[in-house]
Structures are given as structure tokens and as C-alpha cells.
Amino acid sequence: MADTTNPRPLLAHAHEAADEYLMRKVMDGSMEPGVAKGMATNGFLVTTRILSELRTRDGLSEQAITDAFQSRLDRARTHWDVRSVIAAEFALAVWDGMQRDLAEYLRSVG
């Protein structure tokens, strides 16, 4: 039985998605382990806050958020901006996990 006293879903899927993405980047040599560790902690917190605010404060739909970050990713790839590519890919991975977390939470309390 899910803990319904916590109004916010846990971010297990978002953490998993972030970790998988970062591990791939480290394994393929495109990211140093220390950078990945920083993104897994501070980057994850900042990214989840931004995504949450886009959804709740700004009222963007889930698809609008996905489209916005996909557009950023496409622009970054066009301009060969590696940092922006990584940031957008990371945000999309975390967002996918957050959506799965929310769906799981809603099923458990529904």
C-alpha cells in the first residue's frame, strides 16, 4: 500500500533515468565521473525543480515541456553545443522518469 500521507510522489524513476543517462555518458567517455556525480546531485535537484515549476507554476502540459526540451536539444545539436545537448538530454531523461513517477503515484492513490 502506498504512503498517501506524502502528497508528492517519490522520484525513484526520475533518479533511475538520470543515473542511467549519466552512466551511459561516463561509459562512452563523453563525461568524466566527477561531472556525472555533480549532475546526479545538484543537477538533478535543479532539473527537477525547473520541470516541476514549468508544470505547476507555469501550467505547461506534459507534452509542451517535452516539446520545449526536445526543441532545445535539436537547436543544440544543430549548433554542435555539447553542453547544451547534455543538459537537454538530461532534462528529457529526468522528465520521462518524473512522468512515470507521477503515473505510478496516481495509480497507487486512485
N, C-alpha and C. Protein backbone atom coordinates (compact mmCIF):
# COMPACT_ATOMS: atom_id res chain seq x y z
N MET A 1 0.84 -1.18 0.00
CA MET A 1 0.00 0.00 0.00
C MET A 1 0.89 1.24 0.00
N ALA A 2 0.54 2.18 -0.84
CA ALA A 2 1.33 3.41 -0.95
C ALA A 2 1.11 4.31 0.25
N ASP A 3 2.12 5.09 0.57
CA ASP A 3 2.03 6.06 1.65
C ASP A 3 1.30 7.29 1.13
N THR A 4 0.03 7.44 1.47
CA THR A 4 -0.76 8.56 0.97
C THR A 4 -0.61 9.80 1.83
N THR A 5 0.19 9.75 2.89
CA THR A 5 0.42 10.94 3.70
C THR A 5 1.38 11.90 3.02
N ASN A 6 2.17 11.40 2.08
CA ASN A 6 3.10 12.24 1.33
C ASN A 6 2.39 12.68 0.05
N PRO A 7 2.09 13.98 -0.08
CA PRO A 7 1.35 14.43 -1.25
C PRO A 7 2.19 14.45 -2.53
N ARG A 8 3.52 14.30 -2.40
CA ARG A 8 4.37 14.31 -3.59
C ARG A 8 4.86 12.90 -3.88
N PRO A 9 4.84 12.51 -5.14
CA PRO A 9 5.36 11.18 -5.46
C PRO A 9 6.87 11.13 -5.26
N LEU A 10 7.35 9.99 -4.92
CA LEU A 10 8.79 9.80 -4.84
C LEU A 10 9.37 9.87 -6.24
N LEU A 11 10.62 10.17 -6.33
CA LEU A 11 11.24 10.35 -7.65
C LEU A 11 12.15 9.18 -8.02
N ALA A 12 11.73 7.97 -7.68
CA ALA A 12 12.56 6.79 -7.95
C ALA A 12 12.84 6.63 -9.44
N HIS A 13 11.82 6.75 -10.27
CA HIS A 13 12.02 6.59 -11.71
C HIS A 13 12.86 7.73 -12.29
N ALA A 14 12.67 8.92 -11.77
CA ALA A 14 13.47 10.06 -12.24
C ALA A 14 14.94 9.87 -11.88
N HIS A 15 15.20 9.40 -10.66
CA HIS A 15 16.59 9.12 -10.25
C HIS A 15 17.19 8.02 -11.13
N GLU A 16 16.42 6.99 -11.35
CA GLU A 16 16.90 5.88 -12.19
C GLU A 16 17.21 6.34 -13.60
N ALA A 17 16.33 7.15 -14.18
CA ALA A 17 16.55 7.66 -15.53
C ALA A 17 17.79 8.54 -15.59
N ALA A 18 17.96 9.39 -14.58
CA ALA A 18 19.14 10.26 -14.53
C ALA A 18 20.40 9.42 -14.40
N ASP A 19 20.39 8.45 -13.50
CA ASP A 19 21.57 7.60 -13.30
C ASP A 19 21.92 6.82 -14.56
N GLU A 20 20.91 6.27 -15.23
CA GLU A 20 21.16 5.52 -16.46
C GLU A 20 21.78 6.42 -17.53
N TYR A 21 21.23 7.62 -17.68
CA TYR A 21 21.76 8.56 -18.67
C TYR A 21 23.21 8.90 -18.35
N LEU A 22 23.48 9.25 -17.10
CA LEU A 22 24.83 9.65 -16.71
C LEU A 22 25.81 8.49 -16.85
N MET A 23 25.38 7.30 -16.50
CA MET A 23 26.26 6.13 -16.63
C MET A 23 26.62 5.90 -18.10
N ARG A 24 25.65 6.05 -18.98
CA ARG A 24 25.94 5.90 -20.43
C ARG A 24 26.99 6.91 -20.87
N LYS A 25 26.85 8.15 -20.40
CA LYS A 25 27.80 9.20 -20.79
C LYS A 25 29.20 8.90 -20.26
N VAL A 26 29.29 8.41 -19.04
CA VAL A 26 30.60 8.06 -18.48
C VAL A 26 31.18 6.87 -19.22
N MET A 27 30.36 5.88 -19.48
CA MET A 27 30.84 4.66 -20.15
C MET A 27 31.31 4.94 -21.58
N ASP A 28 30.66 5.87 -22.27
CA ASP A 28 31.09 6.15 -23.65
C ASP A 28 32.21 7.18 -23.70
N GLY A 29 32.63 7.66 -22.51
CA GLY A 29 33.76 8.56 -22.45
C GLY A 29 33.46 10.02 -22.71
N SER A 30 32.19 10.36 -22.85
CA SER A 30 31.85 11.75 -23.15
C SER A 30 31.63 12.59 -21.89
N MET A 31 31.77 11.95 -20.71
CA MET A 31 31.61 12.69 -19.46
C MET A 31 32.52 12.07 -18.40
N GLU A 32 33.18 12.94 -17.65
CA GLU A 32 34.03 12.49 -16.56
C GLU A 32 33.15 12.05 -15.38
N PRO A 33 33.58 11.05 -14.61
CA PRO A 33 32.79 10.60 -13.47
C PRO A 33 32.46 11.71 -12.47
N GLY A 34 33.38 12.62 -12.22
CA GLY A 34 33.11 13.72 -11.29
C GLY A 34 32.01 14.65 -11.78
N VAL A 35 31.98 14.88 -13.08
CA VAL A 35 30.92 15.71 -13.66
C VAL A 35 29.58 15.00 -13.53
N ALA A 36 29.59 13.70 -13.81
CA ALA A 36 28.35 12.92 -13.68
C ALA A 36 27.85 12.93 -12.24
N LYS A 37 28.76 12.83 -11.29
CA LYS A 37 28.37 12.85 -9.88
C LYS A 37 27.72 14.18 -9.52
N GLY A 38 28.29 15.27 -10.01
CA GLY A 38 27.70 16.58 -9.77
C GLY A 38 26.32 16.73 -10.39
N MET A 39 26.18 16.21 -11.59
CA MET A 39 24.86 16.27 -12.24
C MET A 39 23.85 15.39 -11.51
N ALA A 40 24.32 14.27 -10.96
CA ALA A 40 23.41 13.36 -10.25
C ALA A 40 22.90 13.97 -8.95
N THR A 41 23.63 14.92 -8.40
CA THR A 41 23.20 15.54 -7.15
C THR A 41 22.62 16.93 -7.44
N ASN A 42 23.47 17.90 -7.61
CA ASN A 42 22.99 19.28 -7.82
C ASN A 42 22.20 19.42 -9.11
N GLY A 43 22.69 18.84 -10.18
CA GLY A 43 21.98 18.94 -11.45
C GLY A 43 20.60 18.32 -11.40
N PHE A 44 20.50 17.20 -10.70
CA PHE A 44 19.20 16.53 -10.56
C PHE A 44 18.22 17.42 -9.79
N LEU A 45 18.68 18.00 -8.70
CA LEU A 45 17.79 18.86 -7.90
C LEU A 45 17.32 20.07 -8.70
N VAL A 46 18.24 20.71 -9.39
CA VAL A 46 17.88 21.89 -10.19
C VAL A 46 16.92 21.49 -11.31
N THR A 47 17.22 20.39 -11.97
CA THR A 47 16.38 19.95 -13.10
C THR A 47 14.98 19.60 -12.64
N THR A 48 14.85 18.86 -11.55
CA THR A 48 13.51 18.50 -11.08
C THR A 48 12.73 19.74 -10.63
N ARG A 49 13.42 20.70 -10.05
CA ARG A 49 12.74 21.93 -9.64
C ARG A 49 12.23 22.70 -10.87
N ILE A 50 13.09 22.84 -11.88
CA ILE A 50 12.68 23.54 -13.10
C ILE A 50 11.49 22.85 -13.74
N LEU A 51 11.58 21.53 -13.89
CA LEU A 51 10.49 20.78 -14.52
C LEU A 51 9.20 20.88 -13.72
N SER A 52 9.30 20.80 -12.41
CA SER A 52 8.12 20.92 -11.55
C SER A 52 7.48 22.29 -11.68
N GLU A 53 8.31 23.33 -11.71
CA GLU A 53 7.77 24.68 -11.83
C GLU A 53 7.14 24.93 -13.20
N LEU A 54 7.73 24.38 -14.24
CA LEU A 54 7.13 24.51 -15.57
C LEU A 54 5.73 23.90 -15.58
N ARG A 55 5.59 22.78 -14.89
CA ARG A 55 4.31 22.07 -14.88
C ARG A 55 3.30 22.73 -13.95
N THR A 56 3.72 23.07 -12.75
CA THR A 56 2.76 23.56 -11.75
C THR A 56 2.60 25.08 -11.77
N ARG A 57 3.69 25.79 -11.69
CA ARG A 57 3.61 27.26 -11.64
C ARG A 57 3.23 27.85 -12.99
N ASP A 58 3.90 27.36 -14.04
CA ASP A 58 3.66 27.92 -15.37
C ASP A 58 2.51 27.26 -16.11
N GLY A 59 2.06 26.12 -15.60
CA GLY A 59 0.89 25.45 -16.18
C GLY A 59 1.11 24.78 -17.52
N LEU A 60 2.37 24.50 -17.87
CA LEU A 60 2.62 23.83 -19.14
C LEU A 60 2.18 22.38 -19.08
N SER A 61 1.68 21.88 -20.19
CA SER A 61 1.29 20.48 -20.25
C SER A 61 2.54 19.61 -20.30
N GLU A 62 2.36 18.33 -20.02
CA GLU A 62 3.48 17.41 -20.08
C GLU A 62 4.09 17.41 -21.49
N GLN A 63 3.24 17.42 -22.50
CA GLN A 63 3.73 17.41 -23.88
C GLN A 63 4.45 18.70 -24.22
N ALA A 64 3.96 19.83 -23.72
CA ALA A 64 4.62 21.12 -24.00
C ALA A 64 6.02 21.14 -23.41
N ILE A 65 6.19 20.57 -22.22
CA ILE A 65 7.51 20.51 -21.60
C ILE A 65 8.43 19.62 -22.42
N THR A 66 7.93 18.47 -22.82
CA THR A 66 8.73 17.57 -23.66
C THR A 66 9.13 18.26 -24.95
N ASP A 67 8.17 18.91 -25.59
CA ASP A 67 8.45 19.60 -26.86
C ASP A 67 9.48 20.71 -26.68
N ALA A 68 9.39 21.46 -25.58
CA ALA A 68 10.32 22.56 -25.34
C ALA A 68 11.75 22.04 -25.20
N PHE A 69 11.93 20.97 -24.43
CA PHE A 69 13.28 20.44 -24.25
C PHE A 69 13.77 19.71 -25.49
N GLN A 70 12.86 19.11 -26.24
CA GLN A 70 13.26 18.48 -27.50
C GLN A 70 13.71 19.54 -28.49
N SER A 71 13.04 20.68 -28.50
CA SER A 71 13.43 21.78 -29.37
C SER A 71 14.81 22.32 -28.96
N ARG A 72 15.05 22.44 -27.66
CA ARG A 72 16.37 22.87 -27.18
C ARG A 72 17.44 21.88 -27.60
N LEU A 73 17.12 20.60 -27.51
CA LEU A 73 18.08 19.57 -27.91
C LEU A 73 18.38 19.67 -29.40
N ASP A 74 17.37 19.84 -30.21
CA ASP A 74 17.57 19.95 -31.65
C ASP A 74 18.43 21.16 -32.00
N ARG A 75 18.16 22.30 -31.35
CA ARG A 75 18.97 23.51 -31.59
C ARG A 75 20.41 23.29 -31.16
N ALA A 76 20.61 22.68 -30.02
CA ALA A 76 21.97 22.43 -29.52
C ALA A 76 22.73 21.51 -30.46
N ARG A 77 22.07 20.51 -30.98
CA ARG A 77 22.74 19.60 -31.93
C ARG A 77 23.10 20.32 -33.22
N THR A 78 22.20 21.18 -33.66
CA THR A 78 22.46 21.95 -34.89
C THR A 78 23.69 22.83 -34.73
N HIS A 79 23.87 23.39 -33.53
CA HIS A 79 24.99 24.29 -33.27
C HIS A 79 26.20 23.59 -32.66
N TRP A 80 26.16 22.28 -32.59
CA TRP A 80 27.27 21.49 -32.02
C TRP A 80 27.64 21.96 -30.61
N ASP A 81 26.63 22.30 -29.84
CA ASP A 81 26.83 22.79 -28.47
C ASP A 81 26.69 21.59 -27.52
N VAL A 82 27.81 20.96 -27.22
CA VAL A 82 27.82 19.71 -26.46
C VAL A 82 27.21 19.89 -25.07
N ARG A 83 27.54 20.96 -24.40
CA ARG A 83 26.98 21.18 -23.05
C ARG A 83 25.47 21.30 -23.08
N SER A 84 24.96 22.03 -24.04
CA SER A 84 23.51 22.18 -24.15
C SER A 84 22.83 20.88 -24.56
N VAL A 85 23.51 20.09 -25.39
CA VAL A 85 22.98 18.77 -25.76
C VAL A 85 22.84 17.93 -24.50
N ILE A 86 23.88 17.88 -23.70
CA ILE A 86 23.85 17.08 -22.47
C ILE A 86 22.77 17.59 -21.52
N ALA A 87 22.67 18.89 -21.37
CA ALA A 87 21.66 19.46 -20.47
C ALA A 87 20.25 19.09 -20.93
N ALA A 88 19.99 19.21 -22.21
CA ALA A 88 18.66 18.89 -22.73
C ALA A 88 18.37 17.40 -22.65
N GLU A 89 19.35 16.58 -22.99
CA GLU A 89 19.15 15.13 -22.89
C GLU A 89 18.89 14.72 -21.44
N PHE A 90 19.65 15.31 -20.52
CA PHE A 90 19.48 15.01 -19.10
C PHE A 90 18.08 15.42 -18.65
N ALA A 91 17.65 16.62 -19.02
CA ALA A 91 16.32 17.09 -18.63
C ALA A 91 15.23 16.18 -19.19
N LEU A 92 15.38 15.75 -20.43
CA LEU A 92 14.39 14.85 -21.03
C LEU A 92 14.37 13.50 -20.33
N ALA A 93 15.53 12.99 -19.95
CA ALA A 93 15.58 11.72 -19.23
C ALA A 93 14.90 11.86 -17.86
N VAL A 94 15.22 12.92 -17.14
CA VAL A 94 14.61 13.14 -15.82
C VAL A 94 13.11 13.35 -15.96
N TRP A 95 12.70 14.10 -16.97
CA TRP A 95 11.27 14.38 -17.18
C TRP A 95 10.52 13.08 -17.47
N ASP A 96 11.10 12.22 -18.27
CA ASP A 96 10.47 10.93 -18.54
C ASP A 96 10.28 10.15 -17.23
N GLY A 97 11.31 10.14 -16.40
CA GLY A 97 11.21 9.46 -15.12
C GLY A 97 10.17 10.10 -14.21
N MET A 98 10.13 11.42 -14.18
CA MET A 98 9.14 12.12 -13.35
C MET A 98 7.72 11.80 -13.79
N GLN A 99 7.50 11.69 -15.08
CA GLN A 99 6.17 11.35 -15.57
C GLN A 99 5.79 9.94 -15.13
N ARG A 100 6.74 9.00 -15.18
CA ARG A 100 6.47 7.64 -14.72
C ARG A 100 6.21 7.62 -13.21
N ASP A 101 6.98 8.41 -12.46
CA ASP A 101 6.75 8.50 -11.02
C ASP A 101 5.35 9.01 -10.71
N LEU A 102 4.95 10.05 -11.40
CA LEU A 102 3.63 10.62 -11.15
C LEU A 102 2.53 9.64 -11.52
N ALA A 103 2.67 8.96 -12.66
CA ALA A 103 1.66 7.98 -13.08
C ALA A 103 1.55 6.86 -12.05
N GLU A 104 2.69 6.40 -11.55
CA GLU A 104 2.68 5.34 -10.55
C GLU A 104 2.02 5.81 -9.26
N TYR A 105 2.34 7.02 -8.85
CA TYR A 105 1.75 7.59 -7.65
C TYR A 105 0.23 7.71 -7.80
N LEU A 106 -0.23 8.22 -8.92
CA LEU A 106 -1.66 8.39 -9.12
C LEU A 106 -2.40 7.05 -9.16
N ARG A 107 -1.76 6.04 -9.72
CA ARG A 107 -2.37 4.70 -9.71
C ARG A 107 -2.50 4.18 -8.28
N SER A 108 -1.50 4.47 -7.45
CA SER A 108 -1.50 3.93 -6.10
C SER A 108 -2.52 4.60 -5.19
N VAL A 109 -2.90 5.82 -5.48
CA VAL A 109 -3.86 6.52 -4.63
C VAL A 109 -5.24 6.59 -5.27
N GLY A 110 -5.33 6.15 -6.52
CA GLY A 110 -6.56 6.25 -7.29
C GLY A 110 -7.60 5.31 -6.89
